[in-house]
Amino acid sequence: MKMRKGWLMMVLALVLVISACGSNNNGNKGSSSSPSASPSAEAKVDGKKMYIPIISKGFQHQFWQAVKAGAEKAAAELNVEITFEGPETESQVDKQLEMLQVGLDKKPSAIGFAALDSQASIPLLKKAQDAGIPIIAFDSGVESNIPVTTVATNNAVAAAMAADKMGTLIGGEGEIAVIAHDQTSRTGIDRRDGFVNRIKEKYPNVKIVDIQYAGGDHLKSTDAAKAIMQAYPNLKGIFGTNEGSAIGVINAVAETKKEGKIIVIGFDSGKAQIDAVKNGLMAGAVSQNPVGIGYETVRAAVAAAKGQDVDPVIDSGFVWYDKTNIDNEDVKAVLYE
């Protein structure tokens, strides 16, 4: 009887060892799973639920709230934990770097990061790389190959479309200006250069008289636009490179009663721009797909944390909207208020 009990105990111990080994293999970081894997399978790395901090360039504009909504949608589907935060304004590079450091300290599975400064963040991103934490750049890339992918609009191409619309609407000649959100982030540089270069290439009789940087703040952008209009009384148009910049231009034109005299073209959407397009104050704008950006960022982070291959660039797309198409279903799908 004692021998039989001993034999049963040995079998039980062997079963427990085999079960434990199987559990460890299923959670291995190097294992792969298909995109159709169950949410519980997607949620874990090394047997633990994934935590992914998402650090944006800001939090105040509706654009970032739409990105957050997309990220939360993907997180719910994949059963991962995320946090979403950004500095109060898009000029607070140091504040954003502090947030990145805090995220690193929590030893996450991956990090989503939209850089305010394409170079200043590189030392911290290198720390993440050394720790084996994948970085997913979104909206705005960095001047480094550290991120495993960048989820973003092709901002240079989108801004070139805005330039074509401006060139056509002002009749191919005249003075125009740009109110940009910054000259340090990849989005700021690409939208400025995409617009400026297309004007120079295709519209020799259009002169860009000024480019001002107002940090994406609508009050500062309003003041900058007013100053340009005063300095150049023959100004025909202004391009605002993000939501805050464009809202500032709209406000400046309304406050100076220049409606119909200055063509306003924006970037992104939001209620103020949508209303301005509908009432004719703004000619139109290029909108990214912010919900898609947030969604794809989290999906890419999960895949990278599991050791799966991720495309080096994920193009989230863009659309031009104006009075003629703003109520079309395919356009409304990417606009946000």
C-alpha atoms as a PDB file:
ATOM      1  CA  MET A   1       0.000   0.000   0.000  1.00  0.00           C
ATOM      2  CA  LYS A   2       2.820   2.374   0.846  1.00  0.00           C
ATOM      3  CA  MET A   3       4.535   1.612  -2.460  1.00  0.00           C
ATOM      4  CA  ARG A   4       1.301   2.356  -4.344  1.00  0.00           C
ATOM      5  CA  LYS A   5       0.919   5.716  -2.571  1.00  0.00           C
ATOM      6  CA  GLY A   6       4.525   6.595  -3.353  1.00  0.00           C
ATOM      7  CA  TRP A   7       4.014   5.734  -6.987  1.00  0.00           C
ATOM      8  CA  LEU A   8       0.903   7.950  -7.203  1.00  0.00           C
ATOM      9  CA  MET A   9       2.761  10.871  -5.631  1.00  0.00           C
ATOM     10  CA  MET A  10       5.552  10.569  -8.198  1.00  0.00           C
ATOM     11  CA  VAL A  11       3.057  10.605 -11.106  1.00  0.00           C
ATOM     12  CA  LEU A  12       1.299  13.673  -9.647  1.00  0.00           C
ATOM     13  CA  ALA A  13       4.606  15.544  -9.297  1.00  0.00           C
ATOM     14  CA  LEU A  14       5.540  14.695 -12.885  1.00  0.00           C
ATOM     15  CA  VAL A  15       2.201  16.063 -14.178  1.00  0.00           C
ATOM     16  CA  LEU A  16       2.711  19.306 -12.270  1.00  0.00           C
ATOM     17  CA  VAL A  17       6.221  19.761 -13.730  1.00  0.00           C
ATOM     18  CA  ILE A  18       4.981  19.179 -17.290  1.00  0.00           C
ATOM     19  CA  SER A  19       2.105  21.651 -16.773  1.00  0.00           C
ATOM     20  CA  ALA A  20       4.462  24.313 -15.444  1.00  0.00           C
ATOM     21  CA  CYS A  21       6.809  23.904 -18.422  1.00  0.00           C
ATOM     22  CA  GLY A  22       3.903  24.210 -20.855  1.00  0.00           C
ATOM     23  CA  SER A  23       2.720  27.393 -19.152  1.00  0.00           C
ATOM     24  CA  ASN A  24       6.166  29.010 -19.446  1.00  0.00           C
ATOM     25  CA  ASN A  25       6.467  28.183 -23.126  1.00  0.00           C
ATOM     26  CA  ASN A  26       3.074  29.723 -23.940  1.00  0.00           C
ATOM     27  CA  GLY A  27       4.150  33.027 -22.420  1.00  0.00           C
ATOM     28  CA  ASN A  28       7.566  33.213 -24.084  1.00  0.00           C
ATOM     29  CA  LYS A  29       8.380  36.613 -25.592  1.00  0.00           C
ATOM     30  CA  GLY A  30       9.813  35.036 -28.718  1.00  0.00           C
ATOM     31  CA  SER A  31       6.674  33.041 -29.519  1.00  0.00           C
ATOM     32  CA  SER A  32       4.375  34.203 -32.286  1.00  0.00           C
ATOM     33  CA  SER A  33       0.635  34.257 -32.707  1.00  0.00           C
ATOM     34  CA  SER A  34      -1.579  35.154 -35.603  1.00  0.00           C
ATOM     35  CA  PRO A  35      -3.581  38.408 -35.714  1.00  0.00           C
ATOM     36  CA  SER A  36      -6.705  36.316 -35.098  1.00  0.00           C
ATOM     37  CA  ALA A  37      -5.392  35.034 -31.771  1.00  0.00           C
ATOM     38  CA  SER A  38      -7.762  35.369 -28.809  1.00  0.00           C
ATOM     39  CA  PRO A  39      -7.575  38.567 -26.694  1.00  0.00           C
ATOM     40  CA  SER A  40      -6.215  36.612 -23.722  1.00  0.00           C
ATOM     41  CA  ALA A  41      -3.364  35.278 -25.876  1.00  0.00           C
ATOM     42  CA  GLU A  42      -2.600  38.742 -27.198  1.00  0.00           C
ATOM     43  CA  ALA A  43      -2.614  40.228 -23.703  1.00  0.00           C
ATOM     44  CA  LYS A  44       0.375  38.477 -22.225  1.00  0.00           C
ATOM     45  CA  VAL A  45       4.134  38.503 -22.542  1.00  0.00           C
ATOM     46  CA  ASP A  46       6.162  36.182 -20.318  1.00  0.00           C
ATOM     47  CA  GLY A  47       2.880  35.207 -18.652  1.00  0.00           C
ATOM     48  CA  LYS A  48       2.051  38.778 -17.591  1.00  0.00           C
ATOM     49  CA  LYS A  49      -0.616  41.179 -18.847  1.00  0.00           C
ATOM     50  CA  MET A  50       0.965  43.806 -21.064  1.00  0.00           C
ATOM     51  CA  TYR A  51       1.317  47.392 -19.885  1.00  0.00           C
ATOM     52  CA  ILE A  52       1.914  49.988 -22.609  1.00  0.00           C
ATOM     53  CA  PRO A  53       2.253  53.704 -21.786  1.00  0.00           C
ATOM     54  CA  ILE A  54       1.218  55.967 -24.658  1.00  0.00           C
ATOM     55  CA  ILE A  55       2.932  59.374 -24.487  1.00  0.00           C
ATOM     56  CA  SER A  56       1.533  61.959 -26.878  1.00  0.00           C
ATOM     57  CA  LYS A  57       2.665  65.447 -27.855  1.00  0.00           C
ATOM     58  CA  GLY A  58      -0.202  67.068 -26.014  1.00  0.00           C
ATOM     59  CA  PHE A  59      -3.551  66.524 -24.409  1.00  0.00           C
ATOM     60  CA  GLN A  60      -5.426  69.761 -25.022  1.00  0.00           C
ATOM     61  CA  HIS A  61      -6.512  69.403 -28.660  1.00  0.00           C
ATOM     62  CA  GLN A  62      -9.395  67.221 -29.777  1.00  0.00           C
ATOM     63  CA  PHE A  63      -6.930  65.488 -32.094  1.00  0.00           C
ATOM     64  CA  TRP A  64      -5.165  63.852 -29.137  1.00  0.00           C
ATOM     65  CA  GLN A  65      -8.463  62.867 -27.563  1.00  0.00           C
ATOM     66  CA  ALA A  66      -9.328  61.082 -30.805  1.00  0.00           C
ATOM     67  CA  VAL A  67      -5.934  59.321 -30.797  1.00  0.00           C
ATOM     68  CA  LYS A  68      -6.636  58.293 -27.190  1.00  0.00           C
ATOM     69  CA  ALA A  69     -10.030  56.874 -28.187  1.00  0.00           C
ATOM     70  CA  GLY A  70      -8.403  54.736 -30.877  1.00  0.00           C
ATOM     71  CA  ALA A  71      -5.715  53.501 -28.493  1.00  0.00           C
ATOM     72  CA  GLU A  72      -8.315  52.577 -25.882  1.00  0.00           C
ATOM     73  CA  LYS A  73     -10.353  50.703 -28.491  1.00  0.00           C
ATOM     74  CA  ALA A  74      -7.358  48.541 -29.432  1.00  0.00           C
ATOM     75  CA  ALA A  75      -6.416  48.038 -25.773  1.00  0.00           C
ATOM     76  CA  ALA A  76      -9.916  46.764 -24.985  1.00  0.00           C
ATOM     77  CA  GLU A  77      -9.902  44.398 -27.962  1.00  0.00           C
ATOM     78  CA  LEU A  78      -6.456  43.004 -27.124  1.00  0.00           C
ATOM     79  CA  ASN A  79      -6.964  43.014 -23.348  1.00  0.00           C
ATOM     80  CA  VAL A  80      -3.877  45.092 -22.543  1.00  0.00           C
ATOM     81  CA  GLU A  81      -3.412  47.892 -20.042  1.00  0.00           C
ATOM     82  CA  ILE A  82      -2.484  51.315 -21.382  1.00  0.00           C
ATOM     83  CA  THR A  83      -2.070  54.816 -20.034  1.00  0.00           C
ATOM     84  CA  PHE A  84      -2.355  57.878 -22.252  1.00  0.00           C
ATOM     85  CA  GLU A  85      -0.814  61.215 -21.330  1.00  0.00           C
ATOM     86  CA  GLY A  86       0.907  64.256 -22.754  1.00  0.00           C
ATOM     87  CA  PRO A  87       2.095  67.696 -21.606  1.00  0.00           C
ATOM     88  CA  GLU A  88      -0.292  70.619 -21.276  1.00  0.00           C
ATOM     89  CA  THR A  89       1.185  72.361 -24.324  1.00  0.00           C
ATOM     90  CA  GLU A  90       3.182  71.155 -27.303  1.00  0.00           C
ATOM     91  CA  SER A  91       6.135  73.328 -26.357  1.00  0.00           C
ATOM     92  CA  GLN A  92       6.890  71.431 -23.118  1.00  0.00           C
ATOM     93  CA  VAL A  93       9.636  69.133 -24.379  1.00  0.00           C
ATOM     94  CA  ASP A  94      11.158  68.682 -20.898  1.00  0.00           C
ATOM     95  CA  LYS A  95       7.774  67.717 -19.439  1.00  0.00           C
ATOM     96  CA  GLN A  96       7.293  65.112 -22.143  1.00  0.00           C
ATOM     97  CA  LEU A  97      10.757  63.670 -21.492  1.00  0.00           C
ATOM     98  CA  GLU A  98       9.876  63.362 -17.796  1.00  0.00           C
ATOM     99  CA  MET A  99       6.785  61.381 -18.782  1.00  0.00           C
ATOM    100  CA  LEU A 100       8.904  59.132 -20.976  1.00  0.00           C
ATOM    101  CA  GLN A 101      11.307  58.498 -18.084  1.00  0.00           C
ATOM    102  CA  VAL A 102       8.426  57.621 -15.750  1.00  0.00           C
ATOM    103  CA  GLY A 103       7.089  55.236 -18.375  1.00  0.00           C
ATOM    104  CA  LEU A 104      10.495  53.580 -18.673  1.00  0.00           C
ATOM    105  CA  ASP A 105      10.773  53.203 -14.900  1.00  0.00           C
ATOM    106  CA  LYS A 106       7.606  51.088 -14.892  1.00  0.00           C
ATOM    107  CA  LYS A 107       9.323  48.497 -17.142  1.00  0.00           C
ATOM    108  CA  PRO A 108       6.481  48.281 -19.666  1.00  0.00           C
ATOM    109  CA  SER A 109       6.029  45.726 -22.440  1.00  0.00           C
ATOM    110  CA  ALA A 110       6.365  48.494 -25.064  1.00  0.00           C
ATOM    111  CA  ILE A 111       5.996  52.284 -25.320  1.00  0.00           C
ATOM    112  CA  GLY A 112       4.051  54.435 -27.781  1.00  0.00           C
ATOM    113  CA  PHE A 113       5.750  57.818 -28.218  1.00  0.00           C
ATOM    114  CA  ALA A 114       4.976  60.940 -30.280  1.00  0.00           C
ATOM    115  CA  ALA A 115       8.099  63.094 -30.005  1.00  0.00           C
ATOM    116  CA  LEU A 116       7.870  66.842 -29.522  1.00  0.00           C
ATOM    117  CA  ASP A 117      11.556  67.083 -30.367  1.00  0.00           C
ATOM    118  CA  SER A 118      12.851  64.550 -32.881  1.00  0.00           C
ATOM    119  CA  GLN A 119      16.341  64.545 -31.337  1.00  0.00           C
ATOM    120  CA  ALA A 120      15.991  65.379 -27.625  1.00  0.00           C
ATOM    121  CA  SER A 121      14.280  62.092 -26.805  1.00  0.00           C
ATOM    122  CA  ILE A 122      16.930  59.830 -28.383  1.00  0.00           C
ATOM    123  CA  PRO A 123      18.997  59.187 -25.183  1.00  0.00           C
ATOM    124  CA  LEU A 124      15.906  57.923 -23.336  1.00  0.00           C
ATOM    125  CA  LEU A 125      14.794  55.885 -26.323  1.00  0.00           C
ATOM    126  CA  LYS A 126      18.246  54.297 -26.382  1.00  0.00           C
ATOM    127  CA  LYS A 127      17.738  53.311 -22.727  1.00  0.00           C
ATOM    128  CA  ALA A 128      14.472  51.652 -23.711  1.00  0.00           C
ATOM    129  CA  GLN A 129      16.178  49.817 -26.566  1.00  0.00           C
ATOM    130  CA  ASP A 130      18.937  48.591 -24.250  1.00  0.00           C
ATOM    131  CA  ALA A 131      16.266  47.317 -21.859  1.00  0.00           C
ATOM    132  CA  GLY A 132      14.523  45.407 -24.646  1.00  0.00           C
ATOM    133  CA  ILE A 133      11.439  47.669 -24.613  1.00  0.00           C
ATOM    134  CA  PRO A 134      10.098  48.240 -28.157  1.00  0.00           C
ATOM    135  CA  ILE A 135       9.311  51.849 -29.070  1.00  0.00           C
ATOM    136  CA  ILE A 136       6.389  52.590 -31.376  1.00  0.00           C
ATOM    137  CA  ALA A 137       6.637  56.120 -32.751  1.00  0.00           C
ATOM    138  CA  PHE A 138       3.287  57.661 -33.655  1.00  0.00           C
ATOM    139  CA  ASP A 139       2.184  60.873 -35.316  1.00  0.00           C
ATOM    140  CA  SER A 140       5.731  62.244 -35.182  1.00  0.00           C
ATOM    141  CA  GLY A 141       8.865  60.175 -35.695  1.00  0.00           C
ATOM    142  CA  VAL A 142      12.368  60.647 -34.345  1.00  0.00           C
ATOM    143  CA  GLU A 143      15.674  60.987 -36.160  1.00  0.00           C
ATOM    144  CA  SER A 144      16.771  57.505 -35.190  1.00  0.00           C
ATOM    145  CA  ASN A 145      16.210  53.886 -36.148  1.00  0.00           C
ATOM    146  CA  ILE A 146      15.343  52.965 -32.560  1.00  0.00           C
ATOM    147  CA  PRO A 147      11.530  52.853 -33.050  1.00  0.00           C
ATOM    148  CA  VAL A 148      10.476  49.526 -34.542  1.00  0.00           C
ATOM    149  CA  THR A 149       7.812  51.355 -36.542  1.00  0.00           C
ATOM    150  CA  THR A 150       6.257  54.772 -37.020  1.00  0.00           C
ATOM    151  CA  VAL A 151       2.475  55.073 -37.226  1.00  0.00           C
ATOM    152  CA  ALA A 152       1.720  58.353 -38.959  1.00  0.00           C
ATOM    153  CA  THR A 153       0.251  60.297 -41.798  1.00  0.00           C
ATOM    154  CA  ASN A 154       2.602  61.009 -44.684  1.00  0.00           C
ATOM    155  CA  ASN A 155       2.717  64.621 -43.561  1.00  0.00           C
ATOM    156  CA  ALA A 156       4.839  65.932 -46.431  1.00  0.00           C
ATOM    157  CA  VAL A 157       2.424  64.533 -49.025  1.00  0.00           C
ATOM    158  CA  ALA A 158      -0.617  65.766 -47.097  1.00  0.00           C
ATOM    159  CA  ALA A 159       0.844  69.270 -46.790  1.00  0.00           C
ATOM    160  CA  ALA A 160       1.653  69.265 -50.506  1.00  0.00           C
ATOM    161  CA  MET A 161      -2.041  68.637 -51.168  1.00  0.00           C
ATOM    162  CA  ALA A 162      -2.866  71.628 -48.953  1.00  0.00           C
ATOM    163  CA  ALA A 163      -0.419  73.706 -51.018  1.00  0.00           C
ATOM    164  CA  ASP A 164      -2.114  72.646 -54.255  1.00  0.00           C
ATOM    165  CA  LYS A 165      -5.488  73.664 -52.852  1.00  0.00           C
ATOM    166  CA  MET A 166      -4.071  77.021 -51.746  1.00  0.00           C
ATOM    167  CA  GLY A 167      -2.395  77.647 -55.111  1.00  0.00           C
ATOM    168  CA  THR A 168      -5.604  76.925 -56.985  1.00  0.00           C
ATOM    169  CA  LEU A 169      -7.891  78.913 -54.679  1.00  0.00           C
ATOM    170  CA  ILE A 170      -5.773  82.098 -54.867  1.00  0.00           C
ATOM    171  CA  GLY A 171      -5.536  81.875 -58.655  1.00  0.00           C
ATOM    172  CA  GLY A 172      -1.894  80.827 -58.813  1.00  0.00           C
ATOM    173  CA  GLU A 173      -0.436  84.132 -57.657  1.00  0.00           C
ATOM    174  CA  GLY A 174      -0.124  86.377 -54.627  1.00  0.00           C
ATOM    175  CA  GLU A 175       1.282  86.472 -51.119  1.00  0.00           C
ATOM    176  CA  ILE A 176       0.621  83.767 -48.550  1.00  0.00           C
ATOM    177  CA  ALA A 177       1.952  82.798 -45.102  1.00  0.00           C
ATOM    178  CA  VAL A 178       2.283  79.786 -42.814  1.00  0.00           C
ATOM    179  CA  ILE A 179       1.467  79.468 -39.117  1.00  0.00           C
ATOM    180  CA  ALA A 180       3.304  76.321 -37.989  1.00  0.00           C
ATOM    181  CA  HIS A 181       3.055  74.504 -34.673  1.00  0.00           C
ATOM    182  CA  ASP A 182       6.825  73.993 -34.335  1.00  0.00           C
ATOM    183  CA  GLN A 183      10.111  73.457 -36.134  1.00  0.00           C
ATOM    184  CA  THR A 184      11.454  70.609 -33.991  1.00  0.00           C
ATOM    185  CA  SER A 185       8.957  67.741 -34.328  1.00  0.00           C
ATOM    186  CA  ARG A 186       8.839  65.556 -37.421  1.00  0.00           C
ATOM    187  CA  THR A 187       5.253  66.625 -38.116  1.00  0.00           C
ATOM    188  CA  GLY A 188       6.111  70.314 -37.835  1.00  0.00           C
ATOM    189  CA  ILE A 189       9.076  69.987 -40.174  1.00  0.00           C
ATOM    190  CA  ASP A 190       7.346  67.756 -42.736  1.00  0.00           C
ATOM    191  CA  ARG A 191       4.154  69.814 -42.938  1.00  0.00           C
ATOM    192  CA  ARG A 192       6.055  73.057 -43.279  1.00  0.00           C
ATOM    193  CA  ASP A 193       8.458  71.693 -45.865  1.00  0.00           C
ATOM    194  CA  GLY A 194       5.810  69.728 -47.752  1.00  0.00           C
ATOM    195  CA  PHE A 195       3.743  72.887 -48.168  1.00  0.00           C
ATOM    196  CA  VAL A 196       6.640  75.255 -48.898  1.00  0.00           C
ATOM    197  CA  ASN A 197       8.363  72.953 -51.371  1.00  0.00           C
ATOM    198  CA  ARG A 198       5.196  72.317 -53.384  1.00  0.00           C
ATOM    199  CA  ILE A 199       4.488  76.045 -53.637  1.00  0.00           C
ATOM    200  CA  LYS A 200       8.049  76.672 -54.844  1.00  0.00           C
ATOM    201  CA  GLU A 201       7.915  73.807 -57.351  1.00  0.00           C
ATOM    202  CA  LYS A 202       4.506  74.442 -58.918  1.00  0.00           C
ATOM    203  CA  TYR A 203       3.489  78.038 -58.218  1.00  0.00           C
ATOM    204  CA  PRO A 204       6.268  80.460 -59.194  1.00  0.00           C
ATOM    205  CA  ASN A 205       3.953  83.457 -58.843  1.00  0.00           C
ATOM    206  CA  VAL A 206       2.984  82.614 -55.280  1.00  0.00           C
ATOM    207  CA  LYS A 207       5.251  84.095 -52.621  1.00  0.00           C
ATOM    208  CA  ILE A 208       5.442  82.803 -49.036  1.00  0.00           C
ATOM    209  CA  VAL A 209       6.098  86.041 -47.170  1.00  0.00           C
ATOM    210  CA  ASP A 210       6.374  84.679 -43.624  1.00  0.00           C
ATOM    211  CA  ILE A 211       6.452  81.510 -41.528  1.00  0.00           C
ATOM    212  CA  GLN A 212       5.683  81.875 -37.842  1.00  0.00           C
ATOM    213  CA  TYR A 213       5.843  79.221 -35.096  1.00  0.00           C
ATOM    214  CA  ALA A 214       3.238  79.425 -32.357  1.00  0.00           C
ATOM    215  CA  GLY A 215       3.517  76.078 -30.571  1.00  0.00           C
ATOM    216  CA  GLY A 216       0.109  74.861 -31.693  1.00  0.00           C
ATOM    217  CA  ASP A 217      -1.477  77.290 -29.225  1.00  0.00           C
ATOM    218  CA  HIS A 218      -4.560  78.916 -30.732  1.00  0.00           C
ATOM    219  CA  LEU A 219      -4.097  82.218 -28.843  1.00  0.00           C
ATOM    220  CA  LYS A 220      -0.463  82.582 -29.917  1.00  0.00           C
ATOM    221  CA  SER A 221      -1.425  81.535 -33.438  1.00  0.00           C
ATOM    222  CA  THR A 222      -4.131  84.209 -33.506  1.00  0.00           C
ATOM    223  CA  ASP A 223      -1.611  86.885 -32.537  1.00  0.00           C
ATOM    224  CA  ALA A 224       0.925  85.638 -35.092  1.00  0.00           C
ATOM    225  CA  ALA A 225      -1.662  85.614 -37.883  1.00  0.00           C
ATOM    226  CA  LYS A 226      -2.820  89.135 -37.013  1.00  0.00           C
ATOM    227  CA  ALA A 227       0.764  90.405 -37.081  1.00  0.00           C
ATOM    228  CA  ILE A 228       1.351  88.893 -40.515  1.00  0.00           C
ATOM    229  CA  MET A 229      -1.892  90.338 -41.893  1.00  0.00           C
ATOM    230  CA  GLN A 230      -0.922  93.771 -40.629  1.00  0.00           C
ATOM    231  CA  ALA A 231       2.570  93.525 -42.111  1.00  0.00           C
ATOM    232  CA  TYR A 232       1.297  92.257 -45.473  1.00  0.00           C
ATOM    233  CA  PRO A 233      -1.982  93.978 -46.364  1.00  0.00           C
ATOM    234  CA  ASN A 234      -2.150  92.179 -49.732  1.00  0.00           C
ATOM    235  CA  LEU A 235      -1.981  88.735 -48.137  1.00  0.00           C
ATOM    236  CA  LYS A 236      -4.197  86.214 -49.932  1.00  0.00           C
ATOM    237  CA  GLY A 237      -3.946  83.110 -47.779  1.00  0.00           C
ATOM    238  CA  ILE A 238      -2.648  81.437 -44.607  1.00  0.00           C
ATOM    239  CA  PHE A 239      -1.950  77.761 -43.944  1.00  0.00           C
ATOM    240  CA  GLY A 240      -2.194  76.488 -40.338  1.00  0.00           C
ATOM    241  CA  THR A 241      -0.224  73.287 -39.823  1.00  0.00           C
ATOM    242  CA  ASN A 242      -2.225  71.700 -36.990  1.00  0.00           C
ATOM    243  CA  GLU A 243      -5.497  72.069 -35.101  1.00  0.00           C
ATOM    244  CA  GLY A 244      -4.367  74.858 -32.766  1.00  0.00           C
ATOM    245  CA  SER A 245      -2.561  76.756 -35.529  1.00  0.00           C
ATOM    246  CA  ALA A 246      -5.566  76.599 -37.839  1.00  0.00           C
ATOM    247  CA  ILE A 247      -8.011  77.682 -35.130  1.00  0.00           C
ATOM    248  CA  GLY A 248      -5.763  80.661 -34.414  1.00  0.00           C
ATOM    249  CA  VAL A 249      -5.823  81.681 -38.082  1.00  0.00           C
ATOM    250  CA  ILE A 250      -9.616  81.312 -38.200  1.00  0.00           C
ATOM    251  CA  ASN A 251      -9.972  83.538 -35.135  1.00  0.00           C
ATOM    252  CA  ALA A 252      -7.577  86.148 -36.556  1.00  0.00           C
ATOM    253  CA  VAL A 253      -9.475  86.367 -39.827  1.00  0.00           C
ATOM    254  CA  ALA A 254     -12.811  86.646 -38.021  1.00  0.00           C
ATOM    255  CA  GLU A 255     -11.554  89.264 -35.554  1.00  0.00           C
ATOM    256  CA  THR A 256     -10.058  91.434 -38.307  1.00  0.00           C
ATOM    257  CA  LYS A 257     -13.174  90.976 -40.463  1.00  0.00           C
ATOM    258  CA  LYS A 258     -11.160  89.541 -43.360  1.00  0.00           C
ATOM    259  CA  GLU A 259     -13.684  86.791 -44.139  1.00  0.00           C
ATOM    260  CA  GLY A 260     -13.698  86.138 -47.875  1.00  0.00           C
ATOM    261  CA  LYS A 261     -10.509  88.151 -48.357  1.00  0.00           C
ATOM    262  CA  ILE A 262      -8.015  85.632 -46.987  1.00  0.00           C
ATOM    263  CA  ILE A 263      -8.075  81.949 -47.895  1.00  0.00           C
ATOM    264  CA  VAL A 264      -7.603  79.785 -44.795  1.00  0.00           C
ATOM    265  CA  ILE A 265      -6.436  76.196 -45.114  1.00  0.00           C
ATOM    266  CA  GLY A 266      -5.851  74.008 -42.090  1.00  0.00           C
ATOM    267  CA  PHE A 267      -4.621  70.631 -40.932  1.00  0.00           C
ATOM    268  CA  ASP A 268      -6.496  68.154 -38.693  1.00  0.00           C
ATOM    269  CA  SER A 269     -10.153  68.709 -37.817  1.00  0.00           C
ATOM    270  CA  GLY A 270     -11.988  69.411 -34.563  1.00  0.00           C
ATOM    271  CA  LYS A 271     -15.284  71.235 -34.076  1.00  0.00           C
ATOM    272  CA  ALA A 272     -13.910  74.751 -34.683  1.00  0.00           C
ATOM    273  CA  GLN A 273     -12.434  73.816 -38.060  1.00  0.00           C
ATOM    274  CA  ILE A 274     -15.462  71.782 -39.116  1.00  0.00           C
ATOM    275  CA  ASP A 275     -17.761  74.710 -38.266  1.00  0.00           C
ATOM    276  CA  ALA A 276     -15.450  77.130 -40.095  1.00  0.00           C
ATOM    277  CA  VAL A 277     -15.562  74.989 -43.241  1.00  0.00           C
ATOM    278  CA  LYS A 278     -19.346  74.737 -43.076  1.00  0.00           C
ATOM    279  CA  ASN A 279     -19.829  78.490 -42.650  1.00  0.00           C
ATOM    280  CA  GLY A 280     -17.254  79.403 -45.297  1.00  0.00           C
ATOM    281  CA  LEU A 281     -14.638  80.956 -43.010  1.00  0.00           C
ATOM    282  CA  MET A 282     -12.166  78.188 -43.877  1.00  0.00           C
ATOM    283  CA  ALA A 283     -11.733  76.896 -47.426  1.00  0.00           C
ATOM    284  CA  GLY A 284     -10.844  73.396 -46.275  1.00  0.00           C
ATOM    285  CA  ALA A 285      -8.318  71.277 -44.442  1.00  0.00           C
ATOM    286  CA  VAL A 286      -6.383  68.040 -44.500  1.00  0.00           C
ATOM    287  CA  SER A 287      -7.427  65.606 -41.796  1.00  0.00           C
ATOM    288  CA  GLN A 288      -5.425  62.719 -40.491  1.00  0.00           C
ATOM    289  CA  ASN A 289      -7.096  59.603 -39.142  1.00  0.00           C
ATOM    290  CA  PRO A 290      -6.377  60.101 -35.409  1.00  0.00           C
ATOM    291  CA  VAL A 291      -8.524  57.219 -34.190  1.00  0.00           C
ATOM    292  CA  GLY A 292      -6.651  54.973 -36.614  1.00  0.00           C
ATOM    293  CA  ILE A 293      -3.293  56.301 -35.396  1.00  0.00           C
ATOM    294  CA  GLY A 294      -4.099  55.404 -31.785  1.00  0.00           C
ATOM    295  CA  TYR A 295      -5.524  52.027 -32.737  1.00  0.00           C
ATOM    296  CA  GLU A 296      -2.579  50.983 -34.912  1.00  0.00           C
ATOM    297  CA  THR A 297      -0.065  52.213 -32.324  1.00  0.00           C
ATOM    298  CA  VAL A 298      -1.394  49.831 -29.699  1.00  0.00           C
ATOM    299  CA  ARG A 299      -1.697  46.946 -32.164  1.00  0.00           C
ATOM    300  CA  ALA A 300       1.905  47.466 -33.291  1.00  0.00           C
ATOM    301  CA  ALA A 301       3.094  47.702 -29.671  1.00  0.00           C
ATOM    302  CA  VAL A 302       1.456  44.379 -28.816  1.00  0.00           C
ATOM    303  CA  ALA A 303       2.973  42.679 -31.868  1.00  0.00           C
ATOM    304  CA  ALA A 304       6.450  44.103 -31.186  1.00  0.00           C
ATOM    305  CA  ALA A 305       6.325  43.085 -27.517  1.00  0.00           C
ATOM    306  CA  LYS A 306       5.539  39.529 -28.613  1.00  0.00           C
ATOM    307  CA  GLY A 307       8.547  39.520 -30.936  1.00  0.00           C
ATOM    308  CA  GLN A 308       6.472  39.582 -34.127  1.00  0.00           C
ATOM    309  CA  ASP A 309       7.535  41.414 -37.275  1.00  0.00           C
ATOM    310  CA  VAL A 310       6.101  44.925 -37.668  1.00  0.00           C
ATOM    311  CA  ASP A 311       6.198  47.036 -40.827  1.00  0.00           C
ATOM    312  CA  PRO A 312       8.743  49.869 -40.385  1.00  0.00           C
ATOM    313  CA  VAL A 313       6.145  52.449 -41.442  1.00  0.00           C
ATOM    314  CA  ILE A 314       2.387  52.230 -40.936  1.00  0.00           C
ATOM    315  CA  ASP A 315       0.655  54.907 -43.015  1.00  0.00           C
ATOM    316  CA  SER A 316      -2.576  55.929 -41.283  1.00  0.00           C
ATOM    317  CA  GLY A 317      -3.779  57.984 -44.266  1.00  0.00           C
ATOM    318  CA  PHE A 318      -5.392  61.404 -44.703  1.00  0.00           C
ATOM    319  CA  VAL A 319      -8.286  63.094 -46.470  1.00  0.00           C
ATOM    320  CA  TRP A 320      -9.021  66.579 -47.827  1.00  0.00           C
ATOM    321  CA  TYR A 321     -12.343  67.991 -46.690  1.00  0.00           C
ATOM    322  CA  ASP A 322     -14.203  71.133 -47.679  1.00  0.00           C
ATOM    323  CA  LYS A 323     -17.796  72.297 -48.099  1.00  0.00           C
ATOM    324  CA  THR A 324     -18.365  69.948 -51.041  1.00  0.00           C
ATOM    325  CA  ASN A 325     -17.575  66.676 -49.285  1.00  0.00           C
ATOM    326  CA  ILE A 326     -17.648  67.276 -45.520  1.00  0.00           C
ATOM    327  CA  ASP A 327     -20.912  65.334 -45.142  1.00  0.00           C
ATOM    328  CA  ASN A 328     -19.748  62.337 -47.170  1.00  0.00           C
ATOM    329  CA  GLU A 329     -19.670  59.189 -45.061  1.00  0.00           C
ATOM    330  CA  ASP A 330     -16.061  58.299 -45.916  1.00  0.00           C
ATOM    331  CA  VAL A 331     -14.931  61.799 -44.919  1.00  0.00           C
ATOM    332  CA  LYS A 332     -17.027  61.985 -41.762  1.00  0.00           C
ATOM    333  CA  ALA A 333     -15.473  58.700 -40.645  1.00  0.00           C
ATOM    334  CA  VAL A 334     -12.062  60.320 -40.069  1.00  0.00           C
ATOM    335  CA  LEU A 335     -13.191  63.728 -38.771  1.00  0.00           C
ATOM    336  CA  TYR A 336     -13.425  64.322 -35.053  1.00  0.00           C
ATOM    337  CA  GLU A 337     -15.027  67.014 -32.915  1.00  0.00           C
END
